């Protein structure tokens, strides 16, 4: 894979994480454009998740409205009385299954280490799925900036940071979260979204793991 191919794939990865993040924010009329971005990015990266997004777009075009999505989104992810599919990492990662647990504090530390803080306008805990997906987007953008400036070692360090975050956080709880979403949703749209999210993150974790392993191997060879 040449340099242009790498840059193209990384650009699509950044856009995919941002688009998935938007899907876990309250639905808005512009959601159809977000789904187009998902379909384009998943097609370009060869992800099997594209079939799920195609079905999401079909549902939105033929069977459901944004109002329907808003109602189901609230039931699944907001409440107020019961969260059917809590979108917070600490619920799945901490023994007490509570919001703002120890794992949440570790997420905040990782944000700070990357020079980021949670926007004051963001009213959810820092380990909300939309925030963690957006964090991955930001890390990839930083990697791209390093690549454009010829700072290969810093770009590789960003890849390691991405891989470690998925391994320690989002990748650790995505199966449980998407499983609950699939189980509890009344709309096929959110079943497709949950499946697509899980498939994409699993694929990206594998890709990152292989890329980081290759980079370490090359670094060790260079030292020898």
C-alpha atoms as a PDB file:
ATOM      1  CA  UNK A   1       0.000   0.000   0.000  1.00  0.00           C
ATOM      2  CA  UNK A   2       1.508   3.327  -1.083  1.00  0.00           C
ATOM      3  CA  UNK A   3       1.442   6.582   0.870  1.00  0.00           C
ATOM      4  CA  UNK A   4      -1.606   7.955  -0.947  1.00  0.00           C
ATOM      5  CA  UNK A   5      -3.547   4.787  -0.217  1.00  0.00           C
ATOM      6  CA  UNK A   6      -2.634   5.037   3.468  1.00  0.00           C
ATOM      7  CA  UNK A   7      -3.737   8.662   3.643  1.00  0.00           C
ATOM      8  CA  UNK A   8      -7.001   7.842   1.896  1.00  0.00           C
ATOM      9  CA  UNK A   9      -7.844   4.963   4.236  1.00  0.00           C
ATOM     10  CA  UNK A  10      -6.983   6.986   7.326  1.00  0.00           C
ATOM     11  CA  UNK A  11      -9.145   9.865   6.104  1.00  0.00           C
ATOM     12  CA  UNK A  12     -12.079   7.490   5.651  1.00  0.00           C
ATOM     13  CA  UNK A  13     -11.450   6.029   9.110  1.00  0.00           C
ATOM     14  CA  UNK A  14     -11.614   9.473  10.688  1.00  0.00           C
ATOM     15  CA  UNK A  15     -14.848  10.270   8.840  1.00  0.00           C
ATOM     16  CA  UNK A  16     -16.377   6.933   9.796  1.00  0.00           C
ATOM     17  CA  UNK A  17     -15.740   7.410  13.497  1.00  0.00           C
ATOM     18  CA  UNK A  18     -17.258  10.891  13.368  1.00  0.00           C
ATOM     19  CA  UNK A  19     -20.298   9.655  11.426  1.00  0.00           C
ATOM     20  CA  UNK A  20     -20.888   6.774  13.848  1.00  0.00           C
ATOM     21  CA  UNK A  21     -20.572   9.267  16.706  1.00  0.00           C
ATOM     22  CA  UNK A  22     -23.340  11.383  15.185  1.00  0.00           C
ATOM     23  CA  UNK A  23     -25.566   8.308  14.958  1.00  0.00           C
ATOM     24  CA  UNK A  24     -25.453   8.046  18.758  1.00  0.00           C
ATOM     25  CA  UNK A  25     -26.518  11.650  19.242  1.00  0.00           C
ATOM     26  CA  UNK A  26     -30.226  12.625  19.170  1.00  0.00           C
ATOM     27  CA  UNK A  27     -31.447  12.155  15.579  1.00  0.00           C
ATOM     28  CA  UNK A  28     -31.758  15.244  13.398  1.00  0.00           C
ATOM     29  CA  UNK A  29     -33.136  15.804   9.865  1.00  0.00           C
ATOM     30  CA  UNK A  30     -29.584  15.696   8.462  1.00  0.00           C
ATOM     31  CA  UNK A  31     -29.141  12.056   9.511  1.00  0.00           C
ATOM     32  CA  UNK A  32     -29.611  10.898   5.903  1.00  0.00           C
ATOM     33  CA  UNK A  33     -26.391  12.697   4.939  1.00  0.00           C
ATOM     34  CA  UNK A  34     -24.580  11.010   7.817  1.00  0.00           C
ATOM     35  CA  UNK A  35     -25.718   7.621   6.535  1.00  0.00           C
ATOM     36  CA  UNK A  36     -24.407   8.484   3.071  1.00  0.00           C
ATOM     37  CA  UNK A  37     -21.021   9.279   4.642  1.00  0.00           C
ATOM     38  CA  UNK A  38     -21.075   5.940   6.439  1.00  0.00           C
ATOM     39  CA  UNK A  39     -21.910   4.055   3.270  1.00  0.00           C
ATOM     40  CA  UNK A  40     -19.172   5.810   1.288  1.00  0.00           C
ATOM     41  CA  UNK A  41     -16.523   5.224   3.959  1.00  0.00           C
ATOM     42  CA  UNK A  42     -17.435   1.613   4.608  1.00  0.00           C
ATOM     43  CA  UNK A  43     -17.417   0.886   0.874  1.00  0.00           C
ATOM     44  CA  UNK A  44     -13.988   2.521   0.480  1.00  0.00           C
ATOM     45  CA  UNK A  45     -12.510   0.540   3.370  1.00  0.00           C
ATOM     46  CA  UNK A  46     -14.103  -2.758   2.329  1.00  0.00           C
ATOM     47  CA  UNK A  47     -16.070  -3.172   5.559  1.00  0.00           C
ATOM     48  CA  UNK A  48     -18.773  -5.813   5.852  1.00  0.00           C
ATOM     49  CA  UNK A  49     -20.748  -3.262   7.890  1.00  0.00           C
ATOM     50  CA  UNK A  50     -21.850  -1.575   4.674  1.00  0.00           C
ATOM     51  CA  UNK A  51     -24.781  -3.980   4.267  1.00  0.00           C
ATOM     52  CA  UNK A  52     -26.194  -2.838   7.616  1.00  0.00           C
ATOM     53  CA  UNK A  53     -25.942   0.834   6.652  1.00  0.00           C
ATOM     54  CA  UNK A  54     -27.661   0.172   3.330  1.00  0.00           C
ATOM     55  CA  UNK A  55     -30.557  -1.296   5.303  1.00  0.00           C
ATOM     56  CA  UNK A  56     -30.558   1.703   7.651  1.00  0.00           C
ATOM     57  CA  UNK A  57     -30.880   4.032   4.658  1.00  0.00           C
ATOM     58  CA  UNK A  58     -33.676   1.899   3.235  1.00  0.00           C
ATOM     59  CA  UNK A  59     -35.561   2.034   6.537  1.00  0.00           C
ATOM     60  CA  UNK A  60     -35.187   5.807   6.727  1.00  0.00           C
ATOM     61  CA  UNK A  61     -36.335   6.254   3.120  1.00  0.00           C
ATOM     62  CA  UNK A  62     -39.348   3.966   3.261  1.00  0.00           C
ATOM     63  CA  UNK A  63     -40.537   2.988   6.736  1.00  0.00           C
ATOM     64  CA  UNK A  64     -39.642   5.461   9.471  1.00  0.00           C
ATOM     65  CA  UNK A  65     -39.312   9.179  10.146  1.00  0.00           C
ATOM     66  CA  UNK A  66     -36.825  11.187  12.158  1.00  0.00           C
ATOM     67  CA  UNK A  67     -39.578  11.535  14.785  1.00  0.00           C
ATOM     68  CA  UNK A  68     -39.759   7.730  15.049  1.00  0.00           C
ATOM     69  CA  UNK A  69     -35.994   7.637  15.540  1.00  0.00           C
ATOM     70  CA  UNK A  70     -36.131  10.300  18.234  1.00  0.00           C
ATOM     71  CA  UNK A  71     -38.693   8.336  20.245  1.00  0.00           C
ATOM     72  CA  UNK A  72     -36.749   5.088  20.002  1.00  0.00           C
ATOM     73  CA  UNK A  73     -33.434   6.835  20.706  1.00  0.00           C
ATOM     74  CA  UNK A  74     -34.856   8.227  23.935  1.00  0.00           C
ATOM     75  CA  UNK A  75     -36.178   4.829  25.019  1.00  0.00           C
ATOM     76  CA  UNK A  76     -32.880   3.105  24.361  1.00  0.00           C
ATOM     77  CA  UNK A  77     -30.280   5.638  25.410  1.00  0.00           C
ATOM     78  CA  UNK A  78     -31.847   8.419  27.499  1.00  0.00           C
ATOM     79  CA  UNK A  79     -34.721   7.194  29.654  1.00  0.00           C
ATOM     80  CA  UNK A  80     -35.921   8.976  31.781  1.00  0.00           C
ATOM     81  CA  UNK A  81     -37.100   6.023  33.852  1.00  0.00           C
ATOM     82  CA  UNK A  82     -34.974   3.180  32.516  1.00  0.00           C
ATOM     83  CA  UNK A  83     -32.035   2.988  30.153  1.00  0.00           C
ATOM     84  CA  UNK A  84     -32.668  -0.034  27.944  1.00  0.00           C
ATOM     85  CA  UNK A  85     -29.173   0.139  26.438  1.00  0.00           C
ATOM     86  CA  UNK A  86     -26.941   2.407  28.544  1.00  0.00           C
ATOM     87  CA  UNK A  87     -24.403   4.093  26.214  1.00  0.00           C
ATOM     88  CA  UNK A  88     -21.740   4.562  28.915  1.00  0.00           C
ATOM     89  CA  UNK A  89     -18.570   2.506  29.166  1.00  0.00           C
ATOM     90  CA  UNK A  90     -18.463   2.348  32.967  1.00  0.00           C
ATOM     91  CA  UNK A  91     -21.773   0.457  33.074  1.00  0.00           C
ATOM     92  CA  UNK A  92     -20.059  -2.453  31.338  1.00  0.00           C
ATOM     93  CA  UNK A  93     -16.463  -2.104  32.535  1.00  0.00           C
ATOM     94  CA  UNK A  94     -16.802  -1.383  36.261  1.00  0.00           C
ATOM     95  CA  UNK A  95     -17.900  -3.965  38.813  1.00  0.00           C
ATOM     96  CA  UNK A  96     -20.545  -1.695  40.351  1.00  0.00           C
ATOM     97  CA  UNK A  97     -22.157  -1.018  36.943  1.00  0.00           C
ATOM     98  CA  UNK A  98     -22.458   2.675  37.677  1.00  0.00           C
ATOM     99  CA  UNK A  99     -22.028   5.875  35.724  1.00  0.00           C
ATOM    100  CA  UNK A 100     -18.788   7.821  36.284  1.00  0.00           C
ATOM    101  CA  UNK A 101     -16.830   4.868  37.641  1.00  0.00           C
ATOM    102  CA  UNK A 102     -13.077   4.240  37.661  1.00  0.00           C
ATOM    103  CA  UNK A 103     -13.016   3.472  33.950  1.00  0.00           C
ATOM    104  CA  UNK A 104     -14.600   6.873  33.250  1.00  0.00           C
ATOM    105  CA  UNK A 105     -11.753   8.571  35.088  1.00  0.00           C
ATOM    106  CA  UNK A 106      -9.262   6.665  32.940  1.00  0.00           C
ATOM    107  CA  UNK A 107     -11.073   7.867  29.804  1.00  0.00           C
ATOM    108  CA  UNK A 108     -10.746  11.463  31.014  1.00  0.00           C
ATOM    109  CA  UNK A 109      -7.021  10.926  31.627  1.00  0.00           C
ATOM    110  CA  UNK A 110      -6.625   9.686  28.067  1.00  0.00           C
ATOM    111  CA  UNK A 111      -8.475  12.714  26.735  1.00  0.00           C
ATOM    112  CA  UNK A 112      -6.220  15.014  28.747  1.00  0.00           C
ATOM    113  CA  UNK A 113      -3.091  13.179  27.602  1.00  0.00           C
ATOM    114  CA  UNK A 114      -4.163  13.923  24.041  1.00  0.00           C
ATOM    115  CA  UNK A 115      -4.639  17.592  24.926  1.00  0.00           C
ATOM    116  CA  UNK A 116      -8.437  17.367  24.982  1.00  0.00           C
ATOM    117  CA  UNK A 117     -11.198  18.167  27.440  1.00  0.00           C
ATOM    118  CA  UNK A 118     -14.901  17.428  27.272  1.00  0.00           C
ATOM    119  CA  UNK A 119     -16.857  20.363  25.875  1.00  0.00           C
ATOM    120  CA  UNK A 120     -18.951  22.136  28.510  1.00  0.00           C
ATOM    121  CA  UNK A 121     -21.978  21.810  26.258  1.00  0.00           C
ATOM    122  CA  UNK A 122     -21.712  18.010  26.296  1.00  0.00           C
ATOM    123  CA  UNK A 123     -24.157  16.908  28.988  1.00  0.00           C
ATOM    124  CA  UNK A 124     -23.318  13.194  29.040  1.00  0.00           C
ATOM    125  CA  UNK A 125     -20.536  11.404  30.943  1.00  0.00           C
ATOM    126  CA  UNK A 126     -17.140  11.444  29.183  1.00  0.00           C
ATOM    127  CA  UNK A 127     -17.397   7.726  28.366  1.00  0.00           C
ATOM    128  CA  UNK A 128     -20.621   8.099  26.373  1.00  0.00           C
ATOM    129  CA  UNK A 129     -20.266   6.137  23.141  1.00  0.00           C
ATOM    130  CA  UNK A 130     -20.566   9.274  21.013  1.00  0.00           C
ATOM    131  CA  UNK A 131     -17.682  10.878  22.927  1.00  0.00           C
ATOM    132  CA  UNK A 132     -15.425   7.831  22.644  1.00  0.00           C
ATOM    133  CA  UNK A 133     -16.140   7.542  18.910  1.00  0.00           C
ATOM    134  CA  UNK A 134     -15.394  11.243  18.489  1.00  0.00           C
ATOM    135  CA  UNK A 135     -12.134  10.788  20.420  1.00  0.00           C
ATOM    136  CA  UNK A 136     -11.053   8.159  17.918  1.00  0.00           C
ATOM    137  CA  UNK A 137     -11.863  10.597  15.124  1.00  0.00           C
ATOM    138  CA  UNK A 138      -9.657  13.247  16.749  1.00  0.00           C
ATOM    139  CA  UNK A 139      -6.761  10.826  17.213  1.00  0.00           C
ATOM    140  CA  UNK A 140      -6.889   9.825  13.553  1.00  0.00           C
ATOM    141  CA  UNK A 141      -6.992  13.472  12.465  1.00  0.00           C
ATOM    142  CA  UNK A 142      -3.834  14.052  14.531  1.00  0.00           C
ATOM    143  CA  UNK A 143      -2.230  11.021  12.901  1.00  0.00           C
ATOM    144  CA  UNK A 144      -3.078  12.448   9.464  1.00  0.00           C
ATOM    145  CA  UNK A 145      -1.574  15.800  10.393  1.00  0.00           C
ATOM    146  CA  UNK A 146       1.645  14.056  11.387  1.00  0.00           C
ATOM    147  CA  UNK A 147       1.715  12.076   8.139  1.00  0.00           C
ATOM    148  CA  UNK A 148       1.206  15.213   6.053  1.00  0.00           C
ATOM    149  CA  UNK A 149       4.131  16.847   7.864  1.00  0.00           C
ATOM    150  CA  UNK A 150       6.391  13.826   7.422  1.00  0.00           C
ATOM    151  CA  UNK A 151       6.487  12.994  11.146  1.00  0.00           C
ATOM    152  CA  UNK A 152       6.196   9.235  10.735  1.00  0.00           C
ATOM    153  CA  UNK A 153       7.192   8.345  14.315  1.00  0.00           C
ATOM    154  CA  UNK A 154       4.518  10.639  15.772  1.00  0.00           C
ATOM    155  CA  UNK A 155       1.921   9.209  13.385  1.00  0.00           C
ATOM    156  CA  UNK A 156       2.872   5.706  14.521  1.00  0.00           C
ATOM    157  CA  UNK A 157       2.573   6.789  18.159  1.00  0.00           C
ATOM    158  CA  UNK A 158      -0.945   7.993  17.413  1.00  0.00           C
ATOM    159  CA  UNK A 159      -1.788   4.589  15.946  1.00  0.00           C
ATOM    160  CA  UNK A 160      -0.574   2.975  19.159  1.00  0.00           C
ATOM    161  CA  UNK A 161      -2.739   5.407  21.143  1.00  0.00           C
ATOM    162  CA  UNK A 162      -5.762   4.507  19.032  1.00  0.00           C
ATOM    163  CA  UNK A 163      -5.159   0.791  19.421  1.00  0.00           C
ATOM    164  CA  UNK A 164      -4.690   1.034  23.179  1.00  0.00           C
ATOM    165  CA  UNK A 165      -7.874   3.077  23.587  1.00  0.00           C
ATOM    166  CA  UNK A 166      -9.950   0.536  21.695  1.00  0.00           C
ATOM    167  CA  UNK A 167      -8.343  -2.356  23.558  1.00  0.00           C
ATOM    168  CA  UNK A 168      -8.898  -0.732  26.968  1.00  0.00           C
ATOM    169  CA  UNK A 169     -12.231   0.994  26.477  1.00  0.00           C
ATOM    170  CA  UNK A 170     -14.566   1.119  23.482  1.00  0.00           C
ATOM    171  CA  UNK A 171     -13.557  -2.257  22.116  1.00  0.00           C
ATOM    172  CA  UNK A 172     -14.061  -3.817  25.561  1.00  0.00           C
ATOM    173  CA  UNK A 173     -17.702  -2.834  25.941  1.00  0.00           C
ATOM    174  CA  UNK A 174     -19.002  -2.466  22.386  1.00  0.00           C
ATOM    175  CA  UNK A 175     -20.260  -6.065  22.201  1.00  0.00           C
ATOM    176  CA  UNK A 176     -22.318  -5.796  25.395  1.00  0.00           C
ATOM    177  CA  UNK A 177     -23.713  -2.406  24.439  1.00  0.00           C
ATOM    178  CA  UNK A 178     -24.655  -3.315  20.881  1.00  0.00           C
ATOM    179  CA  UNK A 179     -26.061  -6.630  22.086  1.00  0.00           C
ATOM    180  CA  UNK A 180     -28.438  -4.809  24.433  1.00  0.00           C
ATOM    181  CA  UNK A 181     -29.393  -2.364  21.688  1.00  0.00           C
ATOM    182  CA  UNK A 182     -30.204  -5.219  19.307  1.00  0.00           C
ATOM    183  CA  UNK A 183     -32.200  -6.958  22.019  1.00  0.00           C
ATOM    184  CA  UNK A 184     -34.192  -3.948  23.193  1.00  0.00           C
ATOM    185  CA  UNK A 185     -34.882  -1.892  20.071  1.00  0.00           C
ATOM    186  CA  UNK A 186     -38.325  -1.879  18.500  1.00  0.00           C
ATOM    187  CA  UNK A 187     -36.983  -0.476  15.230  1.00  0.00           C
ATOM    188  CA  UNK A 188     -34.821  -2.494  12.821  1.00  0.00           C
ATOM    189  CA  UNK A 189     -32.915   0.756  12.118  1.00  0.00           C
ATOM    190  CA  UNK A 190     -31.174   0.643  15.500  1.00  0.00           C
ATOM    191  CA  UNK A 191     -30.559  -3.075  15.156  1.00  0.00           C
ATOM    192  CA  UNK A 192     -28.731  -2.372  11.922  1.00  0.00           C
ATOM    193  CA  UNK A 193     -26.835   0.540  13.494  1.00  0.00           C
ATOM    194  CA  UNK A 194     -25.710  -1.557  16.452  1.00  0.00           C
ATOM    195  CA  UNK A 195     -24.544  -4.384  14.191  1.00  0.00           C
ATOM    196  CA  UNK A 196     -22.697  -1.989  11.880  1.00  0.00           C
ATOM    197  CA  UNK A 197     -20.985  -0.301  14.825  1.00  0.00           C
ATOM    198  CA  UNK A 198     -19.834  -3.585  16.290  1.00  0.00           C
ATOM    199  CA  UNK A 199     -18.578  -4.890  12.951  1.00  0.00           C
ATOM    200  CA  UNK A 200     -16.693  -1.712  12.118  1.00  0.00           C
ATOM    201  CA  UNK A 201     -14.978  -1.465  15.498  1.00  0.00           C
ATOM    202  CA  UNK A 202     -14.033  -5.154  15.484  1.00  0.00           C
ATOM    203  CA  UNK A 203     -12.520  -4.763  12.012  1.00  0.00           C
ATOM    204  CA  UNK A 204     -10.668  -1.611  13.024  1.00  0.00           C
ATOM    205  CA  UNK A 205      -9.276  -3.217  16.159  1.00  0.00           C
ATOM    206  CA  UNK A 206      -7.866  -6.065  14.096  1.00  0.00           C
ATOM    207  CA  UNK A 207      -6.439  -3.692  11.503  1.00  0.00           C
ATOM    208  CA  UNK A 208      -4.844  -1.476  14.142  1.00  0.00           C
ATOM    209  CA  UNK A 209      -3.407  -4.447  15.992  1.00  0.00           C
ATOM    210  CA  UNK A 210      -1.746  -5.718  12.818  1.00  0.00           C
ATOM    211  CA  UNK A 211      -0.481  -2.254  11.856  1.00  0.00           C
ATOM    212  CA  UNK A 212       1.005  -1.576  15.292  1.00  0.00           C
ATOM    213  CA  UNK A 213       2.626  -5.022  15.375  1.00  0.00           C
ATOM    214  CA  UNK A 214       4.228  -4.368  11.959  1.00  0.00           C
ATOM    215  CA  UNK A 215       5.476  -0.984  13.121  1.00  0.00           C
ATOM    216  CA  UNK A 216       7.049  -2.492  16.249  1.00  0.00           C
ATOM    217  CA  UNK A 217       8.699  -5.203  14.149  1.00  0.00           C
ATOM    218  CA  UNK A 218      10.116  -2.635  11.741  1.00  0.00           C
ATOM    219  CA  UNK A 219      11.384  -0.499  14.634  1.00  0.00           C
ATOM    220  CA  UNK A 220      13.163  -3.449  16.196  1.00  0.00           C
ATOM    221  CA  UNK A 221      14.736  -4.359  12.845  1.00  0.00           C
ATOM    222  CA  UNK A 222      15.931  -0.795  12.363  1.00  0.00           C
ATOM    223  CA  UNK A 223      17.569  -0.790  15.807  1.00  0.00           C
ATOM    224  CA  UNK A 224      19.390  -4.039  15.098  1.00  0.00           C
END
